[in-house]
Amino acid sequence: MNLYLVVKTLHILSSVLLVGTGFGTAFYLFFANRLPAPGGRGASLEAQAVVSRLVVRADLWFTTPAVVFQPLSGLVLMKLAGWPLGTPWIVASIALYLFAGACWLPVVALQWRMARLAADALAAGHALDAVYWRHARRWERLGYPAFVAMLGMYALMVNKPALWG
């Protein structure tokens, strides 16, 4: 196997890790925020505390390394394949990556705050306050466009369309 195929394989695997972890953790936190507590009164604080803590861990352990590896491996692939940086589908992919990153950075901060608020509420034995729910709504609103941007990047990288020029 040549270097290009090794880097391409790692690039694809890290993109799957990035999007898969992001979608998976979002799925679980989205539903933990809606899972009824025993007795059906509000969301389950225990589930929110556990899931939000694990979402933060998954971002640290899986998403962050993939976020760093993706552009590095992409640049290596560009060089090895002889694609100029100005290639339209590459320019569009980079723009989508930067857009997704601009959504993801505040999401990470929100996840940390939500995990801390849920842990504190659980330890104190009281319900989550309005701040947690405000963060949760913002977390969700930022997640949708970031996920769509990542899907667009997949389409661009697989199809490599001419786009313009």
Protein backbone atom coordinates (compact mmCIF):
# COMPACT_ATOMS: atom_id res chain seq x y z
CA MET A 1 0.00 0.00 0.00
CA ASN A 2 1.42 3.40 -0.90
CA LEU A 3 1.59 6.46 1.38
CA TYR A 4 -1.38 8.15 -0.31
CA LEU A 5 -3.67 5.19 0.40
CA VAL A 6 -2.49 4.94 4.02
CA VAL A 7 -3.14 8.64 4.65
CA LYS A 8 -6.46 8.48 2.78
CA THR A 9 -7.58 5.52 4.89
CA LEU A 10 -6.63 7.33 8.11
CA HIS A 11 -8.33 10.52 6.86
CA ILE A 12 -11.56 8.62 6.17
CA LEU A 13 -11.45 6.77 9.49
CA SER A 14 -10.85 9.98 11.42
CA SER A 15 -13.71 11.71 9.58
CA VAL A 16 -16.00 8.83 10.53
CA LEU A 17 -14.79 9.11 14.13
CA LEU A 18 -15.37 12.87 14.10
CA VAL A 19 -18.87 12.80 12.64
CA GLY A 20 -19.89 9.55 14.29
CA THR A 21 -18.84 10.64 17.76
CA GLY A 22 -20.45 14.03 17.25
CA PHE A 23 -23.72 12.54 16.06
CA GLY A 24 -23.71 9.78 18.67
CA THR A 25 -23.05 12.04 21.62
CA ALA A 26 -25.58 14.58 20.36
CA PHE A 27 -28.16 11.80 20.03
CA TYR A 28 -27.67 10.67 23.62
CA LEU A 29 -27.62 14.12 25.19
CA PHE A 30 -30.62 15.21 23.10
CA PHE A 31 -32.64 12.27 24.44
CA ALA A 32 -31.22 12.44 27.98
CA ASN A 33 -32.65 15.95 28.11
CA ARG A 34 -36.04 14.49 27.23
CA LEU A 35 -35.97 11.16 29.11
CA PRO A 36 -38.68 11.24 31.76
CA ALA A 37 -37.59 10.90 35.35
CA PRO A 38 -39.14 8.14 37.45
CA GLY A 39 -42.70 9.19 38.12
CA GLY A 40 -42.81 11.12 34.83
CA ARG A 41 -41.96 14.54 36.28
CA GLY A 42 -39.48 16.37 34.05
CA ALA A 43 -36.27 15.02 32.58
CA SER A 44 -34.13 12.51 34.44
CA LEU A 45 -31.42 14.50 36.21
CA GLU A 46 -29.37 11.34 36.77
CA ALA A 47 -29.36 10.60 33.03
CA GLN A 48 -28.47 14.19 32.19
CA ALA A 49 -25.57 14.24 34.64
CA VAL A 50 -24.11 10.95 33.41
CA VAL A 51 -24.64 11.56 29.69
CA SER A 52 -23.39 15.15 29.71
CA ARG A 53 -20.21 14.04 31.56
CA LEU A 54 -19.63 11.28 29.01
CA VAL A 55 -20.30 13.65 26.08
CA VAL A 56 -17.52 15.90 27.39
CA ARG A 57 -15.19 12.90 27.65
CA ALA A 58 -16.01 11.69 24.15
CA ASP A 59 -15.25 15.14 22.75
CA LEU A 60 -11.91 15.19 24.54
CA TRP A 61 -10.89 11.63 23.67
CA PHE A 62 -12.29 11.21 20.16
CA THR A 63 -13.60 14.39 18.56
CA THR A 64 -10.72 16.73 19.43
CA PRO A 65 -7.94 14.48 18.06
CA ALA A 66 -9.99 13.94 14.88
CA VAL A 67 -10.57 17.70 14.56
CA VAL A 68 -6.80 18.21 14.61
CA PHE A 69 -5.96 15.24 12.38
CA GLN A 70 -8.48 16.05 9.63
CA PRO A 71 -6.88 19.22 8.23
CA LEU A 72 -3.37 17.81 8.63
CA SER A 73 -4.18 14.61 6.75
CA GLY A 74 -6.17 16.62 4.21
CA LEU A 75 -3.14 18.80 3.48
CA VAL A 76 -0.94 15.72 3.09
CA LEU A 77 -3.49 14.19 0.69
CA MET A 78 -3.61 17.42 -1.33
CA LYS A 79 0.18 17.44 -1.65
CA LEU A 80 0.45 13.74 -2.50
CA ALA A 81 -2.34 13.94 -5.09
CA GLY A 82 -1.10 17.22 -6.58
CA TRP A 83 -4.32 19.16 -5.94
CA PRO A 84 -3.81 22.90 -5.55
CA LEU A 85 -5.27 24.57 -2.46
CA GLY A 86 -7.51 26.64 -4.74
CA THR A 87 -9.31 23.58 -6.14
CA PRO A 88 -13.00 24.53 -5.82
CA TRP A 89 -14.21 21.45 -3.91
CA ILE A 90 -11.26 21.83 -1.51
CA VAL A 91 -12.03 25.52 -0.95
CA ALA A 92 -15.68 24.66 -0.28
CA SER A 93 -14.69 21.80 2.05
CA ILE A 94 -12.38 24.07 4.04
CA ALA A 95 -15.12 26.72 4.30
CA LEU A 96 -17.59 24.11 5.58
CA TYR A 97 -14.98 22.76 8.02
CA LEU A 98 -14.34 26.25 9.40
CA PHE A 99 -18.09 26.88 9.66
CA ALA A 100 -18.62 23.58 11.50
CA GLY A 101 -15.70 24.45 13.78
CA ALA A 102 -17.20 27.86 14.51
CA CYS A 103 -20.33 26.03 15.66
CA TRP A 104 -18.43 23.28 17.48
CA LEU A 105 -16.22 25.47 19.70
CA PRO A 106 -19.16 27.10 21.53
CA VAL A 107 -20.86 23.67 21.67
CA VAL A 108 -17.86 22.29 23.58
CA ALA A 109 -18.03 25.16 26.07
CA LEU A 110 -21.78 24.65 26.46
CA GLN A 111 -21.32 20.91 27.03
CA TRP A 112 -18.80 21.57 29.81
CA ARG A 113 -21.18 24.03 31.48
CA MET A 114 -24.15 21.68 31.09
CA ALA A 115 -22.18 18.78 32.59
CA ARG A 116 -21.13 20.93 35.54
CA LEU A 117 -24.66 22.28 36.09
CA ALA A 118 -26.17 18.78 35.94
CA ALA A 119 -23.55 17.35 38.34
CA ASP A 120 -24.04 20.24 40.77
CA ALA A 121 -27.84 19.93 40.65
CA LEU A 122 -27.65 16.18 41.21
CA ALA A 123 -25.25 16.59 44.15
CA ALA A 124 -27.45 19.29 45.69
CA GLY A 125 -30.63 17.30 45.08
CA HIS A 126 -32.43 20.03 43.15
CA ALA A 127 -33.76 20.39 39.63
CA LEU A 128 -31.83 21.99 36.80
CA ASP A 129 -32.33 25.71 36.53
CA ALA A 130 -33.17 27.82 33.50
CA VAL A 131 -29.47 28.35 32.70
CA TYR A 132 -29.03 24.65 31.87
CA TRP A 133 -32.05 24.68 29.56
CA ARG A 134 -30.88 27.87 27.85
CA HIS A 135 -27.51 26.21 27.21
CA ALA A 136 -29.26 23.06 25.95
CA ARG A 137 -31.31 25.03 23.42
CA ARG A 138 -28.25 26.90 22.18
CA TRP A 139 -26.25 23.63 22.04
CA GLU A 140 -28.97 22.13 19.84
CA ARG A 141 -29.27 25.16 17.56
CA LEU A 142 -25.51 25.11 16.91
CA GLY A 143 -25.40 21.36 16.37
CA TYR A 144 -27.80 21.18 13.43
CA PRO A 145 -25.90 23.47 11.04
CA ALA A 146 -22.57 21.93 12.05
CA PHE A 147 -23.85 18.45 11.24
CA VAL A 148 -25.25 19.58 7.88
CA ALA A 149 -21.88 21.21 7.08
CA MET A 150 -20.11 17.94 7.84
CA LEU A 151 -22.47 16.05 5.53
CA GLY A 152 -21.72 18.62 2.83
CA MET A 153 -18.01 18.02 3.32
CA TYR A 154 -18.52 14.28 2.90
CA ALA A 155 -20.36 14.92 -0.38
CA LEU A 156 -17.58 17.20 -1.62
CA MET A 157 -14.78 14.83 -0.68
CA VAL A 158 -16.44 11.77 -2.21
CA ASN A 159 -17.63 13.44 -5.43
CA LYS A 160 -14.93 16.10 -5.91
CA PRO A 161 -17.22 18.18 -8.14
CA ALA A 162 -15.87 20.93 -10.40
CA LEU A 163 -18.18 23.58 -8.77
CA TRP A 164 -16.69 26.63 -10.58
CA GLY A 165 -13.73 27.63 -12.70
